[in-house]
PDB file of N, CA and C in Angstrom:
ATOM      1  N   UNK A   1      13.571   5.696 -43.012  1.00  0.00           N
ATOM      2  CA  UNK A   1      13.832   5.466 -41.613  1.00  0.00           C
ATOM      3  C   UNK A   1      13.798   6.815 -40.879  1.00  0.00           C
ATOM      4  N   UNK A   2      13.301   6.800 -39.645  1.00  0.00           N
ATOM      5  CA  UNK A   2      13.188   8.022 -38.845  1.00  0.00           C
ATOM      6  C   UNK A   2      14.438   8.237 -38.008  1.00  0.00           C
ATOM      7  N   UNK A   3      14.764   9.508 -37.812  1.00  0.00           N
ATOM      8  CA  UNK A   3      15.899   9.813 -36.943  1.00  0.00           C
ATOM      9  C   UNK A   3      15.380  10.222 -35.565  1.00  0.00           C
ATOM     10  N   UNK A   4      16.253  10.259 -34.613  1.00  0.00           N
ATOM     11  CA  UNK A   4      15.859  10.616 -33.253  1.00  0.00           C
ATOM     12  C   UNK A   4      15.323  12.044 -33.160  1.00  0.00           C
ATOM     13  N   UNK A   5      15.793  12.926 -34.014  1.00  0.00           N
ATOM     14  CA  UNK A   5      15.362  14.317 -33.984  1.00  0.00           C
ATOM     15  C   UNK A   5      13.906  14.472 -34.409  1.00  0.00           C
ATOM     16  N   UNK A   6      13.361  13.502 -35.110  1.00  0.00           N
ATOM     17  CA  UNK A   6      11.982  13.587 -35.597  1.00  0.00           C
ATOM     18  C   UNK A   6      10.951  13.193 -34.544  1.00  0.00           C
ATOM     19  N   UNK A   7      11.378  12.609 -33.438  1.00  0.00           N
ATOM     20  CA  UNK A   7      10.459  12.229 -32.369  1.00  0.00           C
ATOM     21  C   UNK A   7      10.296  13.380 -31.388  1.00  0.00           C
ATOM     22  N   UNK A   8       9.054  13.635 -30.991  1.00  0.00           N
ATOM     23  CA  UNK A   8       8.799  14.660 -29.978  1.00  0.00           C
ATOM     24  C   UNK A   8       9.025  14.043 -28.606  1.00  0.00           C
ATOM     25  N   UNK A   9       9.852  14.669 -27.830  1.00  0.00           N
ATOM     26  CA  UNK A   9      10.126  14.163 -26.487  1.00  0.00           C
ATOM     27  C   UNK A   9       9.892  15.265 -25.475  1.00  0.00           C
ATOM     28  N   UNK A  10       9.482  14.870 -24.277  1.00  0.00           N
ATOM     29  CA  UNK A  10       9.269  15.830 -23.194  1.00  0.00           C
ATOM     30  C   UNK A  10      10.612  16.144 -22.551  1.00  0.00           C
ATOM     31  N   UNK A  11      10.767  17.365 -22.050  1.00  0.00           N
ATOM     32  CA  UNK A  11      12.029  17.690 -21.392  1.00  0.00           C
ATOM     33  C   UNK A  11      12.160  16.892 -20.089  1.00  0.00           C
ATOM     34  N   UNK A  12      13.369  16.592 -19.714  1.00  0.00           N
ATOM     35  CA  UNK A  12      13.616  15.844 -18.485  1.00  0.00           C
ATOM     36  C   UNK A  12      13.354  16.720 -17.268  1.00  0.00           C
ATOM     37  N   UNK A  13      12.920  16.067 -16.183  1.00  0.00           N
ATOM     38  CA  UNK A  13      12.719  16.787 -14.927  1.00  0.00           C
ATOM     39  C   UNK A  13      14.073  17.177 -14.357  1.00  0.00           C
ATOM     40  N   UNK A  14      14.117  18.345 -13.780  1.00  0.00           N
ATOM     41  CA  UNK A  14      15.342  18.774 -13.133  1.00  0.00           C
ATOM     42  C   UNK A  14      15.373  18.190 -11.727  1.00  0.00           C
ATOM     43  N   UNK A  15      16.478  17.619 -11.340  1.00  0.00           N
ATOM     44  CA  UNK A  15      16.614  17.063 -10.001  1.00  0.00           C
ATOM     45  C   UNK A  15      16.889  18.166  -9.007  1.00  0.00           C
ATOM     46  N   UNK A  16      16.399  17.984  -7.788  1.00  0.00           N
ATOM     47  CA  UNK A  16      16.640  18.966  -6.737  1.00  0.00           C
ATOM     48  C   UNK A  16      18.113  18.933  -6.366  1.00  0.00           C
ATOM     49  N   UNK A  17      18.730  20.104  -6.309  1.00  0.00           N
ATOM     50  CA  UNK A  17      20.136  20.213  -5.969  1.00  0.00           C
ATOM     51  C   UNK A  17      20.239  20.656  -4.524  1.00  0.00           C
ATOM     52  N   UNK A  18      20.976  19.913  -3.713  1.00  0.00           N
ATOM     53  CA  UNK A  18      21.176  20.264  -2.312  1.00  0.00           C
ATOM     54  C   UNK A  18      22.399  21.140  -2.236  1.00  0.00           C
ATOM     55  N   UNK A  19      22.181  22.362  -1.792  1.00  0.00           N
ATOM     56  CA  UNK A  19      23.299  23.290  -1.692  1.00  0.00           C
ATOM     57  C   UNK A  19      24.000  23.097  -0.364  1.00  0.00           C
ATOM     58  N   UNK A  20      25.326  23.083  -0.396  1.00  0.00           N
ATOM     59  CA  UNK A  20      26.101  22.976   0.836  1.00  0.00           C
ATOM     60  C   UNK A  20      26.470  24.370   1.288  1.00  0.00           C
ATOM     61  N   UNK A  21      26.591  24.601   2.592  1.00  0.00           N
ATOM     62  CA  UNK A  21      26.930  25.919   3.104  1.00  0.00           C
ATOM     63  C   UNK A  21      28.340  26.340   2.689  1.00  0.00           C
ATOM     64  N   UNK A  22      28.615  27.605   2.865  1.00  0.00           N
ATOM     65  CA  UNK A  22      29.929  28.140   2.507  1.00  0.00           C
ATOM     66  C   UNK A  22      31.004  27.473   3.348  1.00  0.00           C
ATOM     67  N   UNK A  23      32.212  27.451   2.828  1.00  0.00           N
ATOM     68  CA  UNK A  23      33.313  26.772   3.499  1.00  0.00           C
ATOM     69  C   UNK A  23      33.648  27.416   4.838  1.00  0.00           C
ATOM     70  N   UNK A  24      33.417  28.713   5.010  1.00  0.00           N
ATOM     71  CA  UNK A  24      33.744  29.419   6.244  1.00  0.00           C
ATOM     72  C   UNK A  24      32.779  29.114   7.375  1.00  0.00           C
ATOM     73  N   UNK A  25      31.633  28.561   7.097  1.00  0.00           N
ATOM     74  CA  UNK A  25      30.615  28.312   8.109  1.00  0.00           C
ATOM     75  C   UNK A  25      30.683  26.845   8.537  1.00  0.00           C
ATOM     76  N   UNK A  26      31.557  26.531   9.486  1.00  0.00           N
ATOM     77  CA  UNK A  26      31.834  25.144   9.870  1.00  0.00           C
ATOM     78  C   UNK A  26      30.644  24.482  10.554  1.00  0.00           C
ATOM     79  N   UNK A  27      29.904  25.224  11.391  1.00  0.00           N
ATOM     80  CA  UNK A  27      28.761  24.627  12.098  1.00  0.00           C
ATOM     81  C   UNK A  27      27.694  24.170  11.117  1.00  0.00           C
ATOM     82  N   UNK A  28      27.375  25.038  10.179  1.00  0.00           N
ATOM     83  CA  UNK A  28      26.356  24.674   9.192  1.00  0.00           C
ATOM     84  C   UNK A  28      26.842  23.564   8.277  1.00  0.00           C
ATOM     85  N   UNK A  29      28.133  23.536   7.981  1.00  0.00           N
ATOM     86  CA  UNK A  29      28.680  22.492   7.120  1.00  0.00           C
ATOM     87  C   UNK A  29      28.549  21.126   7.790  1.00  0.00           C
ATOM     88  N   UNK A  30      28.827  21.069   9.103  1.00  0.00           N
ATOM     89  CA  UNK A  30      28.713  19.775   9.787  1.00  0.00           C
ATOM     90  C   UNK A  30      27.256  19.351   9.874  1.00  0.00           C
ATOM     91  N   UNK A  31      26.320  20.309  10.067  1.00  0.00           N
ATOM     92  CA  UNK A  31      24.905  19.978  10.093  1.00  0.00           C
ATOM     93  C   UNK A  31      24.460  19.447   8.733  1.00  0.00           C
ATOM     94  N   UNK A  32      24.934  20.070   7.670  1.00  0.00           N
ATOM     95  CA  UNK A  32      24.572  19.625   6.327  1.00  0.00           C
ATOM     96  C   UNK A  32      25.102  18.221   6.073  1.00  0.00           C
ATOM     97  N   UNK A  33      26.324  17.939   6.534  1.00  0.00           N
ATOM     98  CA  UNK A  33      26.875  16.598   6.375  1.00  0.00           C
ATOM     99  C   UNK A  33      26.043  15.583   7.144  1.00  0.00           C
ATOM    100  N   UNK A  34      25.608  15.962   8.354  1.00  0.00           N
ATOM    101  CA  UNK A  34      24.796  15.045   9.155  1.00  0.00           C
ATOM    102  C   UNK A  34      23.477  14.739   8.463  1.00  0.00           C
ATOM    103  N   UNK A  35      22.897  15.749   7.818  1.00  0.00           N
ATOM    104  CA  UNK A  35      21.628  15.536   7.130  1.00  0.00           C
ATOM    105  C   UNK A  35      21.831  14.700   5.883  1.00  0.00           C
ATOM    106  N   UNK A  36      22.898  14.995   5.133  1.00  0.00           N
ATOM    107  CA  UNK A  36      23.129  14.288   3.880  1.00  0.00           C
ATOM    108  C   UNK A  36      23.690  12.889   4.090  1.00  0.00           C
ATOM    109  N   UNK A  37      24.506  12.712   5.129  1.00  0.00           N
ATOM    110  CA  UNK A  37      25.142  11.427   5.371  1.00  0.00           C
ATOM    111  C   UNK A  37      24.749  10.937   6.754  1.00  0.00           C
ATOM    112  N   UNK A  38      23.724  10.072   6.841  1.00  0.00           N
ATOM    113  CA  UNK A  38      23.322   9.581   8.157  1.00  0.00           C
ATOM    114  C   UNK A  38      24.435   8.764   8.794  1.00  0.00           C
ATOM    115  N   UNK A  39      24.552   8.881  10.107  1.00  0.00           N
ATOM    116  CA  UNK A  39      25.577   8.156  10.842  1.00  0.00           C
ATOM    117  C   UNK A  39      25.244   6.685  10.927  1.00  0.00           C
ATOM    118  N   UNK A  40      26.180   5.879  11.417  1.00  0.00           N
ATOM    119  CA  UNK A  40      25.940   4.438  11.483  1.00  0.00           C
ATOM    120  C   UNK A  40      24.832   4.062  12.469  1.00  0.00           C
ATOM    121  N   UNK A  41      24.544   4.921  13.429  1.00  0.00           N
ATOM    122  CA  UNK A  41      23.521   4.607  14.428  1.00  0.00           C
ATOM    123  C   UNK A  41      22.109   4.868  13.910  1.00  0.00           C
ATOM    124  N   UNK A  42      21.941   5.799  12.999  1.00  0.00           N
ATOM    125  CA  UNK A  42      20.597   6.168  12.550  1.00  0.00           C
ATOM    126  C   UNK A  42      19.832   5.043  11.871  1.00  0.00           C
ATOM    127  N   UNK A  43      20.424   4.282  10.963  1.00  0.00           N
ATOM    128  CA  UNK A  43      19.634   3.217  10.330  1.00  0.00           C
ATOM    129  C   UNK A  43      19.127   2.196  11.349  1.00  0.00           C
ATOM    130  N   UNK A  44      19.951   1.854  12.348  1.00  0.00           N
ATOM    131  CA  UNK A  44      19.528   0.887  13.356  1.00  0.00           C
ATOM    132  C   UNK A  44      18.384   1.472  14.178  1.00  0.00           C
ATOM    133  N   UNK A  45      18.513   2.746  14.557  1.00  0.00           N
ATOM    134  CA  UNK A  45      17.448   3.391  15.331  1.00  0.00           C
ATOM    135  C   UNK A  45      16.162   3.465  14.514  1.00  0.00           C
ATOM    136  N   UNK A  46      16.299   3.779  13.251  1.00  0.00           N
ATOM    137  CA  UNK A  46      15.117   3.847  12.391  1.00  0.00           C
ATOM    138  C   UNK A  46      14.467   2.482  12.257  1.00  0.00           C
ATOM    139  N   UNK A  47      15.300   1.440  12.092  1.00  0.00           N
ATOM    140  CA  UNK A  47      14.755   0.090  11.982  1.00  0.00           C
ATOM    141  C   UNK A  47      14.017  -0.298  13.253  1.00  0.00           C
ATOM    142  N   UNK A  48      14.597   0.017  14.413  1.00  0.00           N
ATOM    143  CA  UNK A  48      13.955  -0.323  15.677  1.00  0.00           C
ATOM    144  C   UNK A  48      12.640   0.423  15.831  1.00  0.00           C
ATOM    145  N   UNK A  49      12.636   1.716  15.484  1.00  0.00           N
ATOM    146  CA  UNK A  49      11.416   2.505  15.592  1.00  0.00           C
ATOM    147  C   UNK A  49      10.368   1.995  14.611  1.00  0.00           C
ATOM    148  N   UNK A  50      10.806   1.676  13.400  1.00  0.00           N
ATOM    149  CA  UNK A  50       9.886   1.170  12.395  1.00  0.00           C
ATOM    150  C   UNK A  50       9.331  -0.183  12.805  1.00  0.00           C
ATOM    151  N   UNK A  51      10.196  -1.036  13.341  1.00  0.00           N
ATOM    152  CA  UNK A  51       9.760  -2.360  13.788  1.00  0.00           C
ATOM    153  C   UNK A  51       8.767  -2.237  14.930  1.00  0.00           C
ATOM    154  N   UNK A  52       9.062  -1.351  15.874  1.00  0.00           N
ATOM    155  CA  UNK A  52       8.151  -1.146  16.999  1.00  0.00           C
ATOM    156  C   UNK A  52       6.815  -0.585  16.551  1.00  0.00           C
ATOM    157  N   UNK A  53       6.863   0.341  15.611  1.00  0.00           N
ATOM    158  CA  UNK A  53       5.620   0.937  15.104  1.00  0.00           C
ATOM    159  C   UNK A  53       4.796  -0.089  14.339  1.00  0.00           C
ATOM    160  N   UNK A  54       5.441  -0.906  13.523  1.00  0.00           N
ATOM    161  CA  UNK A  54       4.680  -1.900  12.758  1.00  0.00           C
ATOM    162  C   UNK A  54       4.119  -2.967  13.685  1.00  0.00           C
ATOM    163  N   UNK A  55       4.846  -3.316  14.735  1.00  0.00           N
ATOM    164  CA  UNK A  55       4.350  -4.297  15.698  1.00  0.00           C
ATOM    165  C   UNK A  55       3.136  -3.745  16.444  1.00  0.00           C
ATOM    166  N   UNK A  56       3.213  -2.480  16.851  1.00  0.00           N
ATOM    167  CA  UNK A  56       2.087  -1.850  17.531  1.00  0.00           C
ATOM    168  C   UNK A  56       0.871  -1.757  16.611  1.00  0.00           C
ATOM    169  N   UNK A  57       1.113  -1.471  15.337  1.00  0.00           N
ATOM    170  CA  UNK A  57       0.019  -1.380  14.369  1.00  0.00           C
ATOM    171  C   UNK A  57      -0.647  -2.742  14.180  1.00  0.00           C
ATOM    172  N   UNK A  58       0.153  -3.803  14.082  1.00  0.00           N
ATOM    173  CA  UNK A  58      -0.416  -5.150  13.959  1.00  0.00           C
ATOM    174  C   UNK A  58      -1.251  -5.505  15.177  1.00  0.00           C
ATOM    175  N   UNK A  59      -0.754  -5.189  16.374  1.00  0.00           N
ATOM    176  CA  UNK A  59      -1.496  -5.482  17.596  1.00  0.00           C
ATOM    177  C   UNK A  59      -2.802  -4.707  17.645  1.00  0.00           C
ATOM    178  N   UNK A  60      -2.757  -3.439  17.211  1.00  0.00           N
ATOM    179  CA  UNK A  60      -3.963  -2.627  17.197  1.00  0.00           C
ATOM    180  C   UNK A  60      -4.984  -3.196  16.208  1.00  0.00           C
ATOM    181  N   UNK A  61      -4.518  -3.641  15.053  1.00  0.00           N
ATOM    182  CA  UNK A  61      -5.424  -4.222  14.066  1.00  0.00           C
ATOM    183  C   UNK A  61      -6.043  -5.514  14.590  1.00  0.00           C
ATOM    184  N   UNK A  62      -5.240  -6.345  15.259  1.00  0.00           N
ATOM    185  CA  UNK A  62      -5.779  -7.588  15.830  1.00  0.00           C
ATOM    186  C   UNK A  62      -6.850  -7.300  16.868  1.00  0.00           C
ATOM    187  N   UNK A  63      -6.580  -6.323  17.739  1.00  0.00           N
ATOM    188  CA  UNK A  63      -7.554  -5.976  18.777  1.00  0.00           C
ATOM    189  C   UNK A  63      -8.836  -5.450  18.156  1.00  0.00           C
ATOM    190  N   UNK A  64      -8.711  -4.674  17.098  1.00  0.00           N
ATOM    191  CA  UNK A  64      -9.889  -4.118  16.438  1.00  0.00           C
ATOM    192  C   UNK A  64     -10.678  -5.192  15.710  1.00  0.00           C
ATOM    193  N   UNK A  65      -9.994  -6.206  15.201  1.00  0.00           N
ATOM    194  CA  UNK A  65     -10.656  -7.239  14.413  1.00  0.00           C
ATOM    195  C   UNK A  65     -11.309  -8.325  15.266  1.00  0.00           C
ATOM    196  N   UNK A  66     -11.082  -8.316  16.586  1.00  0.00           N
ATOM    197  CA  UNK A  66     -11.736  -9.318  17.428  1.00  0.00           C
ATOM    198  C   UNK A  66     -13.239  -9.116  17.348  1.00  0.00           C
ATOM    199  N   UNK A  67     -13.937 -10.135  16.945  1.00  0.00           N
ATOM    200  CA  UNK A  67     -15.382 -10.041  16.829  1.00  0.00           C
ATOM    201  C   UNK A  67     -15.852  -9.335  15.573  1.00  0.00           C
ATOM    202  N   UNK A  68     -14.941  -8.892  14.752  1.00  0.00           N
ATOM    203  CA  UNK A  68     -15.309  -8.180  13.527  1.00  0.00           C
ATOM    204  C   UNK A  68     -15.288  -9.148  12.346  1.00  0.00           C
ATOM    205  N   UNK A  69     -15.632  -8.652  11.206  1.00  0.00           N
ATOM    206  CA  UNK A  69     -15.658  -9.463   9.993  1.00  0.00           C
ATOM    207  C   UNK A  69     -14.251  -9.834   9.555  1.00  0.00           C
ATOM    208  N   UNK A  70     -14.159 -10.946   8.898  1.00  0.00           N
ATOM    209  CA  UNK A  70     -12.903 -11.363   8.284  1.00  0.00           C
ATOM    210  C   UNK A  70     -13.159 -11.509   6.799  1.00  0.00           C
ATOM    211  N   UNK A  71     -12.184 -11.153   6.002  1.00  0.00           N
ATOM    212  CA  UNK A  71     -12.384 -11.068   4.566  1.00  0.00           C
ATOM    213  C   UNK A  71     -11.769 -12.247   3.844  1.00  0.00           C
ATOM    214  N   UNK A  72     -12.409 -12.643   2.754  1.00  0.00           N
ATOM    215  CA  UNK A  72     -11.928 -13.710   1.882  1.00  0.00           C
ATOM    216  C   UNK A  72     -11.985 -13.183   0.453  1.00  0.00           C
ATOM    217  N   UNK A  73     -10.916 -13.351  -0.268  1.00  0.00           N
ATOM    218  CA  UNK A  73     -10.893 -12.953  -1.677  1.00  0.00           C
ATOM    219  C   UNK A  73     -11.229 -14.154  -2.542  1.00  0.00           C
ATOM    220  N   UNK A  74     -12.038 -13.932  -3.554  1.00  0.00           N
ATOM    221  CA  UNK A  74     -12.453 -15.008  -4.451  1.00  0.00           C
ATOM    222  C   UNK A  74     -12.212 -14.565  -5.886  1.00  0.00           C
ATOM    223  N   UNK A  75     -11.506 -15.391  -6.639  1.00  0.00           N
ATOM    224  CA  UNK A  75     -11.327 -15.119  -8.062  1.00  0.00           C
ATOM    225  C   UNK A  75     -12.504 -15.712  -8.821  1.00  0.00           C
ATOM    226  N   UNK A  76     -13.182 -14.886  -9.571  1.00  0.00           N
ATOM    227  CA  UNK A  76     -14.329 -15.337 -10.364  1.00  0.00           C
ATOM    228  C   UNK A  76     -14.020 -15.123 -11.838  1.00  0.00           C
ATOM    229  N   UNK A  77     -14.548 -16.025 -12.662  1.00  0.00           N
ATOM    230  CA  UNK A  77     -14.402 -15.783 -14.096  1.00  0.00           C
ATOM    231  C   UNK A  77     -15.369 -14.654 -14.483  1.00  0.00           C
ATOM    232  N   UNK A  78     -15.185 -14.119 -15.637  1.00  0.00           N
ATOM    233  CA  UNK A  78     -15.931 -12.950 -16.068  1.00  0.00           C
ATOM    234  C   UNK A  78     -17.445 -13.179 -16.079  1.00  0.00           C
ATOM    235  N   UNK A  79     -17.864 -14.345 -16.572  1.00  0.00           N
ATOM    236  CA  UNK A  79     -19.293 -14.634 -16.671  1.00  0.00           C
ATOM    237  C   UNK A  79     -19.937 -14.750 -15.285  1.00  0.00           C
ATOM    238  N   UNK A  80     -19.265 -15.438 -14.365  1.00  0.00           N
ATOM    239  CA  UNK A  80     -19.805 -15.585 -13.010  1.00  0.00           C
ATOM    240  C   UNK A  80     -19.896 -14.229 -12.316  1.00  0.00           C
ATOM    241  N   UNK A  81     -18.890 -13.402 -12.477  1.00  0.00           N
ATOM    242  CA  UNK A  81     -18.912 -12.062 -11.873  1.00  0.00           C
ATOM    243  C   UNK A  81     -20.057 -11.242 -12.453  1.00  0.00           C
ATOM    244  N   UNK A  82     -20.266 -11.343 -13.757  1.00  0.00           N
ATOM    245  CA  UNK A  82     -21.355 -10.610 -14.400  1.00  0.00           C
ATOM    246  C   UNK A  82     -22.701 -11.074 -13.851  1.00  0.00           C
ATOM    247  N   UNK A  83     -22.878 -12.405 -13.714  1.00  0.00           N
ATOM    248  CA  UNK A  83     -24.133 -12.945 -13.179  1.00  0.00           C
ATOM    249  C   UNK A  83     -24.353 -12.501 -11.728  1.00  0.00           C
ATOM    250  N   UNK A  84     -23.278 -12.500 -10.937  1.00  0.00           N
ATOM    251  CA  UNK A  84     -23.383 -12.062  -9.546  1.00  0.00           C
ATOM    252  C   UNK A  84     -23.775 -10.596  -9.463  1.00  0.00           C
ATOM    253  N   UNK A  85     -23.155  -9.787 -10.300  1.00  0.00           N
ATOM    254  CA  UNK A  85     -23.465  -8.358 -10.318  1.00  0.00           C
ATOM    255  C   UNK A  85     -24.910  -8.117 -10.741  1.00  0.00           C
ATOM    256  N   UNK A  86     -25.381  -8.853 -11.739  1.00  0.00           N
ATOM    257  CA  UNK A  86     -26.755  -8.733 -12.208  1.00  0.00           C
ATOM    258  C   UNK A  86     -27.738  -9.170 -11.119  1.00  0.00           C
ATOM    259  N   UNK A  87     -27.434 -10.262 -10.438  1.00  0.00           N
ATOM    260  CA  UNK A  87     -28.297 -10.742  -9.352  1.00  0.00           C
ATOM    261  C   UNK A  87     -28.359  -9.727  -8.226  1.00  0.00           C
ATOM    262  N   UNK A  88     -27.230  -9.119  -7.903  1.00  0.00           N
ATOM    263  CA  UNK A  88     -27.205  -8.106  -6.843  1.00  0.00           C
ATOM    264  C   UNK A  88     -28.040  -6.901  -7.246  1.00  0.00           C
ATOM    265  N   UNK A  89     -27.957  -6.512  -8.494  1.00  0.00           N
ATOM    266  CA  UNK A  89     -28.734  -5.367  -8.970  1.00  0.00           C
ATOM    267  C   UNK A  89     -30.231  -5.685  -8.960  1.00  0.00           C
ATOM    268  N   UNK A  90     -30.602  -6.857  -9.480  1.00  0.00           N
ATOM    269  CA  UNK A  90     -32.021  -7.222  -9.571  1.00  0.00           C
ATOM    270  C   UNK A  90     -32.671  -7.423  -8.204  1.00  0.00           C
ATOM    271  N   UNK A  91     -31.917  -7.910  -7.225  1.00  0.00           N
ATOM    272  CA  UNK A  91     -32.483  -8.139  -5.890  1.00  0.00           C
ATOM    273  C   UNK A  91     -32.244  -6.972  -4.949  1.00  0.00           C
ATOM    274  N   UNK A  92     -31.590  -5.944  -5.453  1.00  0.00           N
ATOM    275  CA  UNK A  92     -31.293  -4.739  -4.661  1.00  0.00           C
ATOM    276  C   UNK A  92     -30.527  -5.083  -3.382  1.00  0.00           C
ATOM    277  N   UNK A  93     -29.557  -5.983  -3.504  1.00  0.00           N
ATOM    278  CA  UNK A  93     -28.656  -6.319  -2.407  1.00  0.00           C
ATOM    279  C   UNK A  93     -27.231  -6.202  -2.926  1.00  0.00           C
ATOM    280  N   UNK A  94     -26.299  -6.310  -2.019  1.00  0.00           N
ATOM    281  CA  UNK A  94     -24.905  -6.223  -2.457  1.00  0.00           C
ATOM    282  C   UNK A  94     -24.388  -7.606  -2.850  1.00  0.00           C
ATOM    283  N   UNK A  95     -23.329  -7.609  -3.632  1.00  0.00           N
ATOM    284  CA  UNK A  95     -22.714  -8.866  -4.030  1.00  0.00           C
ATOM    285  C   UNK A  95     -22.173  -9.587  -2.798  1.00  0.00           C
ATOM    286  N   UNK A  96     -21.710  -8.832  -1.824  1.00  0.00           N
ATOM    287  CA  UNK A  96     -21.170  -9.414  -0.606  1.00  0.00           C
ATOM    288  C   UNK A  96     -22.230 -10.202   0.145  1.00  0.00           C
ATOM    289  N   UNK A  97     -23.436  -9.665   0.259  1.00  0.00           N
ATOM    290  CA  UNK A  97     -24.518 -10.349   0.956  1.00  0.00           C
ATOM    291  C   UNK A  97     -24.871 -11.655   0.248  1.00  0.00           C
ATOM    292  N   UNK A  98     -24.903 -11.613  -1.071  1.00  0.00           N
ATOM    293  CA  UNK A  98     -25.195 -12.831  -1.837  1.00  0.00           C
ATOM    294  C   UNK A  98     -24.106 -13.872  -1.597  1.00  0.00           C
ATOM    295  N   UNK A  99     -22.850 -13.464  -1.631  1.00  0.00           N
ATOM    296  CA  UNK A  99     -21.742 -14.390  -1.404  1.00  0.00           C
ATOM    297  C   UNK A  99     -21.803 -14.972   0.006  1.00  0.00           C
ATOM    298  N   UNK A 100     -22.094 -14.140   1.002  1.00  0.00           N
ATOM    299  CA  UNK A 100     -22.182 -14.631   2.380  1.00  0.00           C
ATOM    300  C   UNK A 100     -23.278 -15.683   2.507  1.00  0.00           C
ATOM    301  N   UNK A 101     -24.445 -15.404   1.933  1.00  0.00           N
ATOM    302  CA  UNK A 101     -25.553 -16.363   1.999  1.00  0.00           C
ATOM    303  C   UNK A 101     -25.203 -17.662   1.280  1.00  0.00           C
ATOM    304  N   UNK A 102     -24.554 -17.559   0.141  1.00  0.00           N
ATOM    305  CA  UNK A 102     -24.179 -18.752  -0.624  1.00  0.00           C
ATOM    306  C   UNK A 102     -23.177 -19.597   0.150  1.00  0.00           C
ATOM    307  N   UNK A 103     -22.227 -18.959   0.785  1.00  0.00           N
ATOM    308  CA  UNK A 103     -21.220 -19.697   1.560  1.00  0.00           C
ATOM    309  C   UNK A 103     -21.871 -20.366   2.762  1.00  0.00           C
ATOM    310  N   UNK A 104     -22.731 -19.620   3.484  1.00  0.00           N
ATOM    311  CA  UNK A 104     -23.446 -20.215   4.626  1.00  0.00           C
ATOM    312  C   UNK A 104     -24.281 -21.409   4.190  1.00  0.00           C
ATOM    313  N   UNK A 105     -24.994 -21.263   3.077  1.00  0.00           N
ATOM    314  CA  UNK A 105     -25.831 -22.357   2.568  1.00  0.00           C
ATOM    315  C   UNK A 105     -24.972 -23.574   2.236  1.00  0.00           C
ATOM    316  N   UNK A 106     -23.846 -23.349   1.580  1.00  0.00           N
ATOM    317  CA  UNK A 106     -22.949 -24.454   1.217  1.00  0.00           C
ATOM    318  C   UNK A 106     -22.436 -25.161   2.478  1.00  0.00           C
ATOM    319  N   UNK A 107     -22.000 -24.394   3.483  1.00  0.00           N
ATOM    320  CA  UNK A 107     -21.469 -24.975   4.699  1.00  0.00           C
ATOM    321  C   UNK A 107     -22.553 -25.742   5.464  1.00  0.00           C
ATOM    322  N   UNK A 108     -23.760 -25.173   5.533  1.00  0.00           N
ATOM    323  CA  UNK A 108     -24.847 -25.858   6.227  1.00  0.00           C
ATOM    324  C   UNK A 108     -25.244 -27.142   5.510  1.00  0.00           C
ATOM    325  N   UNK A 109     -25.314 -27.082   4.187  1.00  0.00           N
ATOM    326  CA  UNK A 109     -25.699 -28.246   3.398  1.00  0.00           C
ATOM    327  C   UNK A 109     -24.714 -29.392   3.558  1.00  0.00           C
ATOM    328  N   UNK A 110     -23.429 -29.054   3.646  1.00  0.00           N
ATOM    329  CA  UNK A 110     -22.399 -30.075   3.727  1.00  0.00           C
ATOM    330  C   UNK A 110     -21.978 -30.397   5.164  1.00  0.00           C
ATOM    331  N   UNK A 111     -22.707 -29.869   6.149  1.00  0.00           N
ATOM    332  CA  UNK A 111     -22.480 -30.213   7.541  1.00  0.00           C
ATOM    333  C   UNK A 111     -21.225 -29.635   8.176  1.00  0.00           C
ATOM    334  N   UNK A 112     -20.814 -28.491   7.737  1.00  0.00           N
ATOM    335  CA  UNK A 112     -19.632 -27.848   8.346  1.00  0.00           C
ATOM    336  C   UNK A 112     -20.043 -26.800   9.339  1.00  0.00           C
TER     337      UNK A 112
END
């Protein structure tokens, strides 16, 4: 049986130590406390700012996507993906173009 000493292990990472100012420096001590211990108002302000930023980002994405392409993910089995990749290579087109044409053909054939 092997003992723990026989296993090679990497040394642990040292964690960053936050040094606090000297006890005589009251201004710096209060600043350090403010940095280390956020007040009760900060999380709410951060949430509001984060919420506003994410809402603005969603609106910007929607505006950019008007008239643009929309994406669909398709799970393919390994053999079908291989055949699609081979067809794209042999016809010198992308797999996306082949998928788009196939979907259009299917929709047109079935009257959608």
